[in-house]
C-alpha atoms as a PDB file:
ATOM      1  CA  MET A   1      -0.041  -0.031   0.088  1.00  0.00           C
ATOM      2  CA  LEU A   2       1.041   3.740  -0.860  1.00  0.00           C
ATOM      3  CA  SER A   3       2.327   5.267   2.251  1.00  0.00           C
ATOM      4  CA  MET A   4       0.478   9.024   3.052  1.00  0.00           C
ATOM      5  CA  ILE A   5       2.198  11.536   1.416  1.00  0.00           C
ATOM      6  CA  TYR A   6       3.499  14.421   4.353  1.00  0.00           C
ATOM      7  CA  LEU A   7       4.222  17.730   3.588  1.00  0.00           C
ATOM      8  CA  SER A   8       6.891  20.025   4.991  1.00  0.00           C
ATOM      9  CA  CYS A   9       4.254  23.140   4.890  1.00  0.00           C
ATOM     10  CA  PRO A  10       4.943  26.691   7.209  1.00  0.00           C
ATOM     11  CA  PHE A  11       2.410  27.694   8.785  1.00  0.00           C
ATOM     12  CA  SER A  12       2.963  31.232   6.838  1.00  0.00           C
ATOM     13  CA  GLU A  13       1.637  29.075   3.698  1.00  0.00           C
ATOM     14  CA  LYS A  14      -0.828  26.411   5.112  1.00  0.00           C
ATOM     15  CA  ASP A  15      -3.586  29.334   3.328  1.00  0.00           C
ATOM     16  CA  GLU A  16      -1.936  28.239  -0.386  1.00  0.00           C
ATOM     17  CA  CYS A  17      -1.350  24.590   0.469  1.00  0.00           C
ATOM     18  CA  LYS A  18      -5.016  24.031   1.568  1.00  0.00           C
ATOM     19  CA  ALA A  19      -6.514  25.782  -1.558  1.00  0.00           C
ATOM     20  CA  LEU A  20      -4.327  23.635  -3.711  1.00  0.00           C
ATOM     21  CA  GLY A  21      -6.579  20.539  -1.811  1.00  0.00           C
ATOM     22  CA  GLY A  22      -4.418  19.965   0.948  1.00  0.00           C
ATOM     23  CA  ARG A  23      -6.170  18.432   3.939  1.00  0.00           C
ATOM     24  CA  TRP A  24      -4.686  18.939   7.762  1.00  0.00           C
ATOM     25  CA  ASP A  25      -4.112  15.310   9.985  1.00  0.00           C
ATOM     26  CA  SER A  26      -4.470  16.733  13.883  1.00  0.00           C
ATOM     27  CA  GLN A  27      -2.702  13.675  15.289  1.00  0.00           C
ATOM     28  CA  LYS A  28       0.222  14.175  13.141  1.00  0.00           C
ATOM     29  CA  LYS A  29       0.157  17.927  12.551  1.00  0.00           C
ATOM     30  CA  LYS A  30       1.143  18.135  10.006  1.00  0.00           C
ATOM     31  CA  TRP A  31      -0.313  19.060   6.344  1.00  0.00           C
ATOM     32  CA  TYR A  32      -0.836  15.751   3.774  1.00  0.00           C
ATOM     33  CA  ILE A  33      -2.185  15.161   0.125  1.00  0.00           C
ATOM     34  CA  PRO A  34      -5.615  12.346   0.031  1.00  0.00           C
ATOM     35  CA  ALA A  35      -6.128  11.018  -2.828  1.00  0.00           C
ATOM     36  CA  GLY A  36      -7.159  12.357  -6.123  1.00  0.00           C
ATOM     37  CA  VAL A  37      -5.650  15.391  -5.515  1.00  0.00           C
ATOM     38  CA  ASP A  38      -2.960  15.569  -7.973  1.00  0.00           C
ATOM     39  CA  ALA A  39       1.208  16.253  -5.947  1.00  0.00           C
ATOM     40  CA  SER A  40       2.763  17.788  -8.362  1.00  0.00           C
ATOM     41  CA  ASN A  41       0.905  20.759  -7.394  1.00  0.00           C
ATOM     42  CA  PHE A  42       2.844  20.263  -3.732  1.00  0.00           C
ATOM     43  CA  LYS A  43       6.586  19.233  -4.579  1.00  0.00           C
ATOM     44  CA  LYS A  44       7.556  22.210  -2.609  1.00  0.00           C
ATOM     45  CA  TRP A  45       6.333  20.994   0.522  1.00  0.00           C
ATOM     46  CA  ILE A  46       7.456  17.463  -0.818  1.00  0.00           C
ATOM     47  CA  THR A  47      10.930  16.680   0.881  1.00  0.00           C
ATOM     48  CA  ASP A  48      11.393  12.979   1.752  1.00  0.00           C
ATOM     49  CA  ASP A  49       9.038  11.341  -0.923  1.00  0.00           C
ATOM     50  CA  LYS A  50      10.707   9.614  -3.802  1.00  0.00           C
ATOM     51  CA  LYS A  51       9.352  10.676  -7.329  1.00  0.00           C
ATOM     52  CA  GLU A  52       8.009   7.257  -7.631  1.00  0.00           C
ATOM     53  CA  ASP A  53       6.174   8.452  -4.366  1.00  0.00           C
ATOM     54  CA  VAL A  54       4.282  11.109  -6.518  1.00  0.00           C
ATOM     55  CA  ILE A  55       3.715   9.128  -9.740  1.00  0.00           C
ATOM     56  CA  GLU A  56       2.001   6.111  -7.944  1.00  0.00           C
ATOM     57  CA  HIS A  57      -0.160   8.643  -5.735  1.00  0.00           C
ATOM     58  CA  ASN A  58      -1.461  10.525  -8.779  1.00  0.00           C
ATOM     59  CA  LYS A  59      -2.767   7.129 -10.236  1.00  0.00           C
ATOM     60  CA  ILE A  60      -4.843   6.902  -7.230  1.00  0.00           C
ATOM     61  CA  LYS A  61      -8.688   8.169  -8.417  1.00  0.00           C
ATOM     62  CA  LYS A  62     -10.036  10.069  -5.739  1.00  0.00           C
ATOM     63  CA  ILE A  63     -12.753   8.822  -4.054  1.00  0.00           C
ATOM     64  CA  ILE A  64     -16.675  11.179  -3.951  1.00  0.00           C
ATOM     65  CA  GLU A  65     -17.023  12.107  -1.067  1.00  0.00           C
ATOM     66  CA  LEU A  66     -20.877  12.631   0.222  1.00  0.00           C
ATOM     67  CA  SER A  67     -22.795  14.359   2.833  1.00  0.00           C
ATOM     68  CA  PRO A  68     -25.447  13.533   4.762  1.00  0.00           C
ATOM     69  CA  SER A  69     -27.739  16.007   4.103  1.00  0.00           C
ATOM     70  CA  SER A  70     -26.545  16.729   0.080  1.00  0.00           C
ATOM     71  CA  LEU A  71     -28.711  13.080  -0.096  1.00  0.00           C
ATOM     72  CA  ASP A  72     -32.200  14.529   0.995  1.00  0.00           C
ATOM     73  CA  PHE A  73     -31.930  18.092   0.386  1.00  0.00           C
ATOM     74  CA  GLN A  74     -29.752  19.318  -2.298  1.00  0.00           C
ATOM     75  CA  ILE A  75     -30.706  16.321  -4.590  1.00  0.00           C
ATOM     76  CA  ASN A  76     -34.313  16.719  -4.093  1.00  0.00           C
ATOM     77  CA  LYS A  77     -34.176  19.996  -4.540  1.00  0.00           C
ATOM     78  CA  CYS A  78     -31.954  20.841  -8.448  1.00  0.00           C
ATOM     79  CA  HIS A  79     -29.675  17.809 -10.022  1.00  0.00           C
ATOM     80  CA  ARG A  80     -28.014  20.992 -11.568  1.00  0.00           C
ATOM     81  CA  CYS A  81     -27.150  22.298  -8.335  1.00  0.00           C
ATOM     82  CA  PHE A  82     -26.162  19.077  -7.153  1.00  0.00           C
ATOM     83  CA  TYR A  83     -23.464  19.374  -9.584  1.00  0.00           C
ATOM     84  CA  LEU A  84     -22.467  22.433  -9.870  1.00  0.00           C
ATOM     85  CA  SER A  85     -21.764  22.759  -6.238  1.00  0.00           C
ATOM     86  CA  LYS A  86     -20.294  18.741  -5.887  1.00  0.00           C
ATOM     87  CA  LYS A  87     -18.150  18.660  -8.521  1.00  0.00           C
ATOM     88  CA  LEU A  88     -17.852  22.403  -9.781  1.00  0.00           C
ATOM     89  CA  GLY A  89     -17.896  24.194  -6.268  1.00  0.00           C
ATOM     90  CA  ILE A  90     -20.543  26.470  -7.590  1.00  0.00           C
ATOM     91  CA  GLN A  91     -21.892  27.756  -4.552  1.00  0.00           C
ATOM     92  CA  ASN A  92     -25.226  29.924  -4.652  1.00  0.00           C
ATOM     93  CA  ASN A  93     -23.909  30.259  -0.346  1.00  0.00           C
ATOM     94  CA  ASN A  94     -27.623  30.458   0.055  1.00  0.00           C
ATOM     95  CA  PHE A  95     -27.073  28.650   3.749  1.00  0.00           C
ATOM     96  CA  PRO A  96     -28.942  28.792   6.960  1.00  0.00           C
ATOM     97  CA  PRO A  97     -28.109  31.682   8.364  1.00  0.00           C
ATOM     98  CA  PRO A  98     -25.125  30.789  11.075  1.00  0.00           C
ATOM     99  CA  VAL A  99     -28.201  30.976  14.184  1.00  0.00           C
ATOM    100  CA  PHE A 100     -29.854  27.826  13.099  1.00  0.00           C
ATOM    101  CA  ASN A 101     -26.323  25.886  13.826  1.00  0.00           C
ATOM    102  CA  GLN A 102     -25.945  28.000  17.230  1.00  0.00           C
ATOM    103  CA  LEU A 103     -29.350  26.768  18.123  1.00  0.00           C
ATOM    104  CA  ASP A 104     -28.343  22.984  17.216  1.00  0.00           C
ATOM    105  CA  LEU A 105     -25.578  23.618  19.940  1.00  0.00           C
ATOM    106  CA  ILE A 106     -27.349  24.524  22.314  1.00  0.00           C
ATOM    107  CA  GLN A 107     -29.596  22.165  21.642  1.00  0.00           C
ATOM    108  CA  LYS A 108     -27.723  19.271  21.862  1.00  0.00           C
ATOM    109  CA  ASP A 109     -25.823  20.391  24.840  1.00  0.00           C
ATOM    110  CA  PHE A 110     -28.763  20.439  26.853  1.00  0.00           C
ATOM    111  CA  PHE A 111     -29.860  17.335  26.179  1.00  0.00           C
ATOM    112  CA  ILE A 112     -26.349  15.212  26.628  1.00  0.00           C
ATOM    113  CA  ASP A 113     -26.518  14.488  30.114  1.00  0.00           C
ATOM    114  CA  LYS A 114     -30.101  13.686  30.567  1.00  0.00           C
ATOM    115  CA  ASP A 115     -31.684  10.433  30.518  1.00  0.00           C
ATOM    116  CA  THR A 116     -33.312   9.360  27.486  1.00  0.00           C
ATOM    117  CA  SER A 117     -36.778   9.543  27.898  1.00  0.00           C
ATOM    118  CA  PHE A 118     -36.525  13.396  28.758  1.00  0.00           C
ATOM    119  CA  ILE A 119     -36.837  13.509  25.438  1.00  0.00           C
ATOM    120  CA  SER A 120     -39.168  10.715  24.397  1.00  0.00           C
ATOM    121  CA  GLU A 121     -41.098   8.545  26.278  1.00  0.00           C
ATOM    122  CA  LYS A 122     -40.723   6.246  22.674  1.00  0.00           C
ATOM    123  CA  LEU A 123     -36.934   5.605  23.458  1.00  0.00           C
ATOM    124  CA  PRO A 124     -35.754   2.646  25.698  1.00  0.00           C
ATOM    125  CA  ILE A 125     -33.220   3.405  28.379  1.00  0.00           C
ATOM    126  CA  GLY A 126     -29.843   4.807  27.112  1.00  0.00           C
ATOM    127  CA  ARG A 127     -27.604   6.684  27.174  1.00  0.00           C
ATOM    128  CA  PHE A 128     -26.307  10.178  24.895  1.00  0.00           C
ATOM    129  CA  LEU A 129     -22.652   8.887  23.755  1.00  0.00           C
ATOM    130  CA  GLN A 130     -20.551  12.196  25.019  1.00  0.00           C
ATOM    131  CA  GLU A 131     -18.301  14.326  23.067  1.00  0.00           C
ATOM    132  CA  ASN A 132     -14.873  12.506  24.519  1.00  0.00           C
ATOM    133  CA  GLU A 133     -16.474   9.048  23.110  1.00  0.00           C
ATOM    134  CA  LEU A 134     -17.352  10.830  19.528  1.00  0.00           C
ATOM    135  CA  PRO A 135     -14.796  12.298  16.964  1.00  0.00           C
ATOM    136  CA  LYS A 136     -16.997  15.968  15.598  1.00  0.00           C
ATOM    137  CA  LYS A 137     -17.456  14.443  11.857  1.00  0.00           C
ATOM    138  CA  ILE A 138     -16.966  10.608  10.785  1.00  0.00           C
ATOM    139  CA  SER A 139     -16.910   8.666   8.020  1.00  0.00           C
ATOM    140  CA  SER A 140     -17.612   5.650   6.993  1.00  0.00           C
ATOM    141  CA  SER A 141     -15.604   3.227   4.873  1.00  0.00           C
ATOM    142  CA  LEU A 142     -15.189   2.430   1.618  1.00  0.00           C
ATOM    143  CA  LEU A 143     -18.322   1.617  -0.571  1.00  0.00           C
ATOM    144  CA  LYS A 144     -19.720   0.603  -2.951  1.00  0.00           C
ATOM    145  CA  ASP A 145     -23.377   1.793  -5.008  1.00  0.00           C
ATOM    146  CA  ASN A 146     -25.319  -0.352  -7.364  1.00  0.00           C
ATOM    147  CA  ARG A 147     -22.919   0.893 -10.227  1.00  0.00           C
ATOM    148  CA  ASP A 148     -19.899  -0.270  -8.699  1.00  0.00           C
ATOM    149  CA  ARG A 149     -18.037   2.800  -7.275  1.00  0.00           C
ATOM    150  CA  ASP A 150     -16.500   3.502  -4.601  1.00  0.00           C
ATOM    151  CA  PHE A 151     -17.792   6.454  -2.461  1.00  0.00           C
ATOM    152  CA  LYS A 152     -17.956   7.445   1.699  1.00  0.00           C
ATOM    153  CA  LEU A 153     -20.539   9.230   3.502  1.00  0.00           C
ATOM    154  CA  VAL A 154     -19.147  12.021   5.493  1.00  0.00           C
ATOM    155  CA  GLY A 155     -21.013  13.809   8.298  1.00  0.00           C
ATOM    156  CA  ILE A 156     -21.530  15.406  11.694  1.00  0.00           C
ATOM    157  CA  PRO A 157     -24.279  14.020  14.403  1.00  0.00           C
ATOM    158  CA  ASP A 158     -26.130  15.773  16.831  1.00  0.00           C
ATOM    159  CA  LEU A 159     -26.955  12.977  19.004  1.00  0.00           C
ATOM    160  CA  VAL A 160     -25.973   9.125  19.901  1.00  0.00           C
ATOM    161  CA  ILE A 161     -27.686   6.520  21.795  1.00  0.00           C
ATOM    162  CA  GLU A 162     -26.197   3.877  23.522  1.00  0.00           C
ATOM    163  CA  PHE A 163     -28.965   2.149  24.710  1.00  0.00           C
ATOM    164  CA  GLU A 164     -28.802  -0.351  27.759  1.00  0.00           C
ATOM    165  CA  ASP A 165     -29.397  -3.735  25.391  1.00  0.00           C
ATOM    166  CA  LYS A 166     -26.358  -2.646  23.532  1.00  0.00           C
ATOM    167  CA  THR A 167     -27.966  -1.183  20.254  1.00  0.00           C
ATOM    168  CA  TYR A 168     -27.146   2.013  19.525  1.00  0.00           C
ATOM    169  CA  GLY A 169     -30.254   5.398  18.313  1.00  0.00           C
ATOM    170  CA  ILE A 170     -29.504   8.712  16.587  1.00  0.00           C
ATOM    171  CA  ILE A 171     -31.335  11.692  16.466  1.00  0.00           C
ATOM    172  CA  ASP A 172     -31.578  14.948  14.307  1.00  0.00           C
ATOM    173  CA  PHE A 173     -32.451  17.827  15.581  1.00  0.00           C
ATOM    174  CA  LYS A 174     -34.272  20.603  12.804  1.00  0.00           C
ATOM    175  CA  THR A 175     -35.225  23.700  13.930  1.00  0.00           C
ATOM    176  CA  THR A 176     -38.229  24.002  11.718  1.00  0.00           C
ATOM    177  CA  ARG A 177     -42.164  24.119  11.621  1.00  0.00           C
ATOM    178  CA  ILE A 178     -43.525  20.942  13.174  1.00  0.00           C
ATOM    179  CA  ASN A 179     -44.126  18.362  11.297  1.00  0.00           C
ATOM    180  CA  GLU A 180     -45.641  14.259  11.786  1.00  0.00           C
ATOM    181  CA  LYS A 181     -43.920  13.056   8.833  1.00  0.00           C
ATOM    182  CA  LYS A 182     -40.314  15.200   8.968  1.00  0.00           C
ATOM    183  CA  ALA A 183     -38.297  12.210   9.607  1.00  0.00           C
ATOM    184  CA  ASP A 184     -39.774  10.144   6.279  1.00  0.00           C
ATOM    185  CA  PHE A 185     -38.408  13.965   4.754  1.00  0.00           C
ATOM    186  CA  TYR A 186     -34.754  13.450   6.208  1.00  0.00           C
ATOM    187  CA  LYS A 187     -35.234   9.493   5.760  1.00  0.00           C
ATOM    188  CA  PHE A 188     -31.766   8.826   3.589  1.00  0.00           C
ATOM    189  CA  GLN A 189     -29.730  11.838   5.531  1.00  0.00           C
ATOM    190  CA  LEU A 190     -31.110   9.626   8.623  1.00  0.00           C
ATOM    191  CA  GLU A 191     -30.231   5.875   7.181  1.00  0.00           C
ATOM    192  CA  ALA A 192     -26.467   7.769   6.280  1.00  0.00           C
ATOM    193  CA  TYR A 193     -25.472   8.239   9.170  1.00  0.00           C
ATOM    194  CA  ALA A 194     -26.243   4.730  10.354  1.00  0.00           C
ATOM    195  CA  THR A 195     -24.694   3.139   7.708  1.00  0.00           C
ATOM    196  CA  ILE A 196     -21.347   5.448   8.644  1.00  0.00           C
ATOM    197  CA  PHE A 197     -21.421   3.982  11.954  1.00  0.00           C
ATOM    198  CA  GLU A 198     -21.947   0.276  10.792  1.00  0.00           C
ATOM    199  CA  ASN A 199     -19.500   0.615   8.328  1.00  0.00           C
ATOM    200  CA  PRO A 200     -17.056   3.291  10.338  1.00  0.00           C
ATOM    201  CA  GLY A 201     -14.223   4.486   8.570  1.00  0.00           C
ATOM    202  CA  GLU A 202     -11.698   7.331   9.484  1.00  0.00           C
ATOM    203  CA  VAL A 203     -11.119  11.495   8.977  1.00  0.00           C
ATOM    204  CA  ASN A 204      -7.495  12.713   9.127  1.00  0.00           C
ATOM    205  CA  SER A 205      -6.533   9.649  10.592  1.00  0.00           C
ATOM    206  CA  ILE A 206      -9.193   9.509  12.953  1.00  0.00           C
ATOM    207  CA  LYS A 207     -11.140   6.669  12.996  1.00  0.00           C
ATOM    208  CA  THR A 208     -14.717   6.741  13.533  1.00  0.00           C
ATOM    209  CA  PRO A 209     -16.264   3.604  16.663  1.00  0.00           C
ATOM    210  CA  LEU A 210     -18.322   0.886  15.217  1.00  0.00           C
ATOM    211  CA  LEU A 211     -21.551   1.111  16.288  1.00  0.00           C
ATOM    212  CA  LYS A 212     -24.001  -1.427  15.658  1.00  0.00           C
ATOM    213  CA  PRO A 213     -26.621  -2.193  15.201  1.00  0.00           C
ATOM    214  CA  ILE A 214     -28.111   1.237  14.801  1.00  0.00           C
ATOM    215  CA  THR A 215     -32.512   0.706  15.823  1.00  0.00           C
ATOM    216  CA  LYS A 216     -33.275   4.341  16.415  1.00  0.00           C
ATOM    217  CA  LEU A 217     -33.003   6.885  13.626  1.00  0.00           C
ATOM    218  CA  ALA A 218     -35.483   9.918  14.722  1.00  0.00           C
ATOM    219  CA  ILE A 219     -36.243  13.680  14.207  1.00  0.00           C
ATOM    220  CA  LEU A 220     -36.447  16.060  17.551  1.00  0.00           C
ATOM    221  CA  GLN A 221     -38.374  19.086  16.071  1.00  0.00           C
ATOM    222  CA  PHE A 222     -38.002  22.825  17.963  1.00  0.00           C
ATOM    223  CA  ASP A 223     -40.823  24.983  16.609  1.00  0.00           C
ATOM    224  CA  PRO A 224     -40.462  28.787  17.740  1.00  0.00           C
ATOM    225  CA  ASN A 225     -43.847  29.357  19.998  1.00  0.00           C
ATOM    226  CA  LYS A 226     -43.123  32.506  21.580  1.00  0.00           C
ATOM    227  CA  ILE A 227     -41.629  35.043  24.302  1.00  0.00           C
ATOM    228  CA  LYS A 228     -42.172  33.837  27.786  1.00  0.00           C
ATOM    229  CA  SER A 229     -40.158  36.923  29.433  1.00  0.00           C
ATOM    230  CA  LYS A 230     -37.548  39.547  28.929  1.00  0.00           C
ATOM    231  CA  ASN A 231     -34.917  41.597  30.641  1.00  0.00           C
ATOM    232  CA  ALA A 232     -32.532  44.583  29.542  1.00  0.00           C
ATOM    233  CA  MET A 233     -30.273  41.462  28.035  1.00  0.00           C
ATOM    234  CA  ASN A 234     -32.448  38.795  27.311  1.00  0.00           C
ATOM    235  CA  CYS A 235     -35.472  37.234  26.256  1.00  0.00           C
ATOM    236  CA  ASN A 236     -36.561  33.603  26.610  1.00  0.00           C
ATOM    237  CA  ILE A 237     -38.551  31.671  24.233  1.00  0.00           C
ATOM    238  CA  ILE A 238     -40.721  29.050  24.408  1.00  0.00           C
ATOM    239  CA  PHE A 239     -39.767  26.278  21.649  1.00  0.00           C
ATOM    240  CA  ASN A 240     -43.093  23.346  20.530  1.00  0.00           C
ATOM    241  CA  MET A 241     -41.642  20.384  20.083  1.00  0.00           C
ATOM    242  CA  CYS A 242     -42.168  16.843  18.591  1.00  0.00           C
ATOM    243  CA  TYR A 243     -39.771  14.064  18.437  1.00  0.00           C
ATOM    244  CA  ILE A 244     -40.104  11.620  14.827  1.00  0.00           C
ATOM    245  CA  GLU A 245     -39.092   7.932  14.383  1.00  0.00           C
ATOM    246  CA  LEU A 246     -38.573   6.484  11.017  1.00  0.00           C
ATOM    247  CA  GLU A 247     -40.442   3.867  10.737  1.00  0.00           C
ATOM    248  CA  ASN A 248     -37.821   0.896   9.285  1.00  0.00           C
ATOM    249  CA  ARG A 249     -34.202   1.357   7.852  1.00  0.00           C
ATOM    250  CA  ILE A 250     -33.809   2.123   4.229  1.00  0.00           C
ATOM    251  CA  TYR A 251     -30.208   0.732   3.259  1.00  0.00           C
ATOM    252  CA  GLU A 252     -31.119  -0.491  -0.317  1.00  0.00           C
ATOM    253  CA  LYS A 253     -33.075   3.016  -1.119  1.00  0.00           C
ATOM    254  CA  LEU A 254     -29.784   5.139   0.133  1.00  0.00           C
ATOM    255  CA  ILE A 255     -27.574   3.219  -2.304  1.00  0.00           C
ATOM    256  CA  ASP A 256     -30.735   4.275  -4.998  1.00  0.00           C
ATOM    257  CA  ARG A 257     -29.779   7.414  -4.351  1.00  0.00           C
ATOM    258  CA  VAL A 258     -25.887   7.774  -4.341  1.00  0.00           C
ATOM    259  CA  THR A 259     -26.137   6.120  -7.373  1.00  0.00           C
ATOM    260  CA  LEU A 260     -28.181   9.023  -9.137  1.00  0.00           C
ATOM    261  CA  ALA A 261     -26.188  11.476  -7.329  1.00  0.00           C
ATOM    262  CA  LEU A 262     -22.776   9.492  -8.726  1.00  0.00           C
ATOM    263  CA  ASP A 263     -24.593   9.532 -12.040  1.00  0.00           C
ATOM    264  CA  ILE A 264     -24.906  13.164 -11.713  1.00  0.00           C
ATOM    265  CA  LEU A 265     -21.651  13.846 -10.777  1.00  0.00           C
ATOM    266  CA  GLU A 266     -20.523  11.694 -14.147  1.00  0.00           C
ATOM    267  CA  MET A 267     -22.562  14.074 -16.390  1.00  0.00           C
ATOM    268  CA  LYS A 268     -19.967  15.783 -19.118  1.00  0.00           C
ATOM    269  CA  GLU A 269     -22.138  19.063 -18.330  1.00  0.00           C
ATOM    270  CA  PRO A 270     -24.318  20.111 -15.682  1.00  0.00           C
ATOM    271  CA  PRO A 271     -27.875  19.157 -15.969  1.00  0.00           C
ATOM    272  CA  ALA A 272     -30.383  21.787 -17.271  1.00  0.00           C
ATOM    273  CA  PHE A 273     -32.047  24.352 -16.102  1.00  0.00           C
ATOM    274  CA  ASN A 274     -34.768  23.059 -13.409  1.00  0.00           C
ATOM    275  CA  ASN A 275     -38.050  25.599 -13.544  1.00  0.00           C
ATOM    276  CA  SER A 276     -39.300  24.751 -10.345  1.00  0.00           C
ATOM    277  CA  CYS A 277     -35.587  25.596  -8.763  1.00  0.00           C
ATOM    278  CA  ASN A 278     -35.650  29.197  -7.611  1.00  0.00           C
ATOM    279  CA  ASN A 279     -32.043  29.497  -8.445  1.00  0.00           C
ATOM    280  CA  CYS A 280     -31.775  28.248 -11.566  1.00  0.00           C
ATOM    281  CA  THR A 281     -34.624  30.569 -12.570  1.00  0.00           C
ATOM    282  CA  PHE A 282     -32.308  33.334 -10.921  1.00  0.00           C
ATOM    283  CA  PHE A 283     -29.559  32.385 -13.062  1.00  0.00           C
ATOM    284  CA  LYS A 284     -31.724  31.335 -16.768  1.00  0.00           C
ATOM    285  CA  LYS A 285     -33.216  34.935 -16.489  1.00  0.00           C
ATOM    286  CA  GLN A 286     -30.259  37.171 -15.656  1.00  0.00           C
ATOM    287  CA  SER A 287     -28.354  34.654 -18.712  1.00  0.00           C
ATOM    288  CA  GLN A 288     -30.812  36.342 -20.986  1.00  0.00           C
ATOM    289  CA  LEU A 289     -30.789  39.899 -20.130  1.00  0.00           C
ATOM    290  CA  ASN A 290     -28.542  41.807 -22.730  1.00  0.00           C
ATOM    291  CA  VAL A 291     -26.138  43.728 -20.081  1.00  0.00           C
END
């Protein structure tokens, strides 16, 4: 097996290295060249590896990494926007405001030291895995789609549960309008997290733990309702809550969705404009202006 090519990149040049596709190994405290990234662009930082290592490295095909959220939201919304974002790095930056991420962190901090029954009576007795038991970012091992193409799933989970019977559960937070079918809206995302833990890989040499079997997949919804009280500096907001479980595991359907994603990314040209997509409509009309 070809050894990893680590780089002698000084701190002052880290942004250049990152822009070229280099990654940081937090354990070794060094930058390295990931699979599929042309090692020839990093020659000035390669000191210990032979020229043959660079040649062999460049033969390695880049592995497609898919986030759990992209398999639900991005592909459902627009194939063209998914292609432009994932393959060409063209994004509209129309992301949820940072406050939503802050809400996720606040919710996690509140629940993580509680008993599972505090969330829902539907949950068996168990405990939430703490931050020192899970890496922040997790990755699957190398997986195959329906056309025998390699891919990995990489994401950041919210709450992970270890039940007393040594089975596991995953809960994802959503600040949204409550809907009894919400778990089905995010079924690929939930199944993707379960698949990662049942087929663990690593991120920057940090291994994802094997958690198997995953028996509970759920969405915990938070819907802002009203302000309960306030003072000069703060206010207390009441959120309605709703816990909804995904009824069944859908691994085969997940692989079907991944196959669709890889089919899209293998297209030589971007998919056609999607008239149901606001972004496509905007850019299509903009391109028609005589300016």
